[in-house]
C-alpha atoms as a PDB file:
ATOM      1  CA  MET A   1     228.710 -54.328  42.287  1.00  0.00           C
ATOM      2  CA  ILE A   2     226.621 -51.242  43.142  1.00  0.00           C
ATOM      3  CA  THR A   3     228.228 -47.902  43.430  1.00  0.00           C
ATOM      4  CA  ASP A   4     226.821 -44.498  44.327  1.00  0.00           C
ATOM      5  CA  THR A   5     226.704 -42.008  41.547  1.00  0.00           C
ATOM      6  CA  ARG A   6     228.500 -38.775  42.483  1.00  0.00           C
ATOM      7  CA  PRO A   7     227.458 -35.391  41.029  1.00  0.00           C
ATOM      8  CA  LEU A   8     229.271 -34.485  37.802  1.00  0.00           C
ATOM      9  CA  VAL A   9     230.557 -31.227  39.322  1.00  0.00           C
ATOM     10  CA  GLU A  10     232.363 -33.229  42.029  1.00  0.00           C
ATOM     11  CA  ILE A  11     233.906 -35.623  39.420  1.00  0.00           C
ATOM     12  CA  ASN A  12     234.943 -32.600  37.315  1.00  0.00           C
ATOM     13  CA  GLN A  13     236.594 -30.919  40.426  1.00  0.00           C
ATOM     14  CA  GLN A  14     238.455 -34.113  41.271  1.00  0.00           C
ATOM     15  CA  ALA A  15     239.577 -34.684  37.740  1.00  0.00           C
ATOM     16  CA  ILE A  16     240.945 -31.154  37.350  1.00  0.00           C
ATOM     17  CA  SER A  17     242.700 -31.380  40.676  1.00  0.00           C
ATOM     18  CA  LEU A  18     244.393 -34.575  39.521  1.00  0.00           C
ATOM     19  CA  LEU A  19     245.365 -33.042  36.242  1.00  0.00           C
ATOM     20  CA  TYR A  20     247.035 -30.099  37.961  1.00  0.00           C
ATOM     21  CA  LYS A  21     248.845 -32.388  40.378  1.00  0.00           C
ATOM     22  CA  GLU A  22     250.076 -34.771  37.780  1.00  0.00           C
ATOM     23  CA  LEU A  23     250.722 -32.391  34.766  1.00  0.00           C
ATOM     24  CA  GLY A  24     251.118 -29.071  36.400  1.00  0.00           C
ATOM     25  CA  VAL A  25     248.918 -26.120  35.837  1.00  0.00           C
ATOM     26  CA  VAL A  26     250.231 -25.029  32.448  1.00  0.00           C
ATOM     27  CA  ASP A  27     250.042 -28.530  30.858  1.00  0.00           C
ATOM     28  CA  ALA A  28     246.651 -29.231  32.439  1.00  0.00           C
ATOM     29  CA  VAL A  29     245.226 -26.054  31.023  1.00  0.00           C
ATOM     30  CA  ARG A  30     246.681 -26.913  27.627  1.00  0.00           C
ATOM     31  CA  PHE A  31     245.144 -30.258  27.763  1.00  0.00           C
ATOM     32  CA  LEU A  32     241.752 -28.910  28.810  1.00  0.00           C
ATOM     33  CA  LYS A  33     241.753 -26.321  26.016  1.00  0.00           C
ATOM     34  CA  GLN A  34     241.634 -29.066  23.414  1.00  0.00           C
ATOM     35  CA  PHE A  35     237.983 -29.703  24.448  1.00  0.00           C
ATOM     36  CA  THR A  36     236.630 -26.158  24.259  1.00  0.00           C
ATOM     37  CA  GLN A  37     234.686 -25.228  21.245  1.00  0.00           C
ATOM     38  CA  GLY A  38     235.414 -21.569  21.224  1.00  0.00           C
ATOM     39  CA  PHE A  39     232.869 -19.044  20.019  1.00  0.00           C
ATOM     40  CA  GLY A  40     231.979 -16.959  16.982  1.00  0.00           C
ATOM     41  CA  ASP A  41     232.153 -17.719  13.327  1.00  0.00           C
ATOM     42  CA  TYR A  42     235.758 -17.269  12.307  1.00  0.00           C
ATOM     43  CA  THR A  43     235.018 -17.909   8.604  1.00  0.00           C
ATOM     44  CA  LYS A  44     232.484 -15.016   8.481  1.00  0.00           C
ATOM     45  CA  GLU A  45     234.804 -12.724  10.576  1.00  0.00           C
ATOM     46  CA  ARG A  46     237.730 -13.569   8.376  1.00  0.00           C
ATOM     47  CA  GLU A  47     235.823 -12.601   5.241  1.00  0.00           C
ATOM     48  CA  GLU A  48     234.831  -9.292   6.820  1.00  0.00           C
ATOM     49  CA  ILE A  49     238.258  -8.464   8.206  1.00  0.00           C
ATOM     50  CA  PHE A  50     240.196  -9.254   4.956  1.00  0.00           C
ATOM     51  CA  ALA A  51     237.538  -8.462   2.347  1.00  0.00           C
ATOM     52  CA  ASN A  52     239.427  -5.664   0.862  1.00  0.00           C
ATOM     53  CA  MET A  53     242.870  -7.198   0.925  1.00  0.00           C
ATOM     54  CA  THR A  54     244.792  -9.260  -1.734  1.00  0.00           C
ATOM     55  CA  VAL A  55     246.832 -12.173  -0.889  1.00  0.00           C
ATOM     56  CA  GLU A  56     249.972 -10.134  -1.559  1.00  0.00           C
ATOM     57  CA  GLU A  57     248.833  -7.467   0.886  1.00  0.00           C
ATOM     58  CA  LEU A  58     248.228 -10.044   3.496  1.00  0.00           C
ATOM     59  CA  VAL A  59     251.648 -11.655   2.999  1.00  0.00           C
ATOM     60  CA  ASN A  60     253.252  -8.183   3.287  1.00  0.00           C
ATOM     61  CA  GLU A  61     251.430  -7.494   6.586  1.00  0.00           C
ATOM     62  CA  ILE A  62     252.480 -10.948   7.975  1.00  0.00           C
ATOM     63  CA  GLU A  63     256.126 -10.206   6.937  1.00  0.00           C
ATOM     64  CA  LYS A  64     256.061  -6.813   8.591  1.00  0.00           C
ATOM     65  CA  MET A  65     254.762  -8.235  11.838  1.00  0.00           C
ATOM     66  CA  ARG A  66     257.414 -10.946  11.792  1.00  0.00           C
ATOM     67  CA  LYS A  67     260.136  -8.280  11.442  1.00  0.00           C
ATOM     68  CA  LEU A  68     258.743  -6.284  14.326  1.00  0.00           C
ATOM     69  CA  LYS A  69     258.929  -9.345  16.609  1.00  0.00           C
ATOM     70  CA  LYS A  70     262.680  -9.761  16.044  1.00  0.00           C
END
């Protein structure tokens, strides 16, 4: 059986369209986000952001933020 090979962009468009149709936009986007790599170096950024904070200070900040959300 010989089949014509379609361009990858066409296959991707069809696949995304099917995902939207079957899952809805929100769940389709959630599904697709699993496969993105993101960007940056979170480990390095985290070390720079929290370099001068103790664990206790971090916990206190988290607790403050949680209280503000309530």
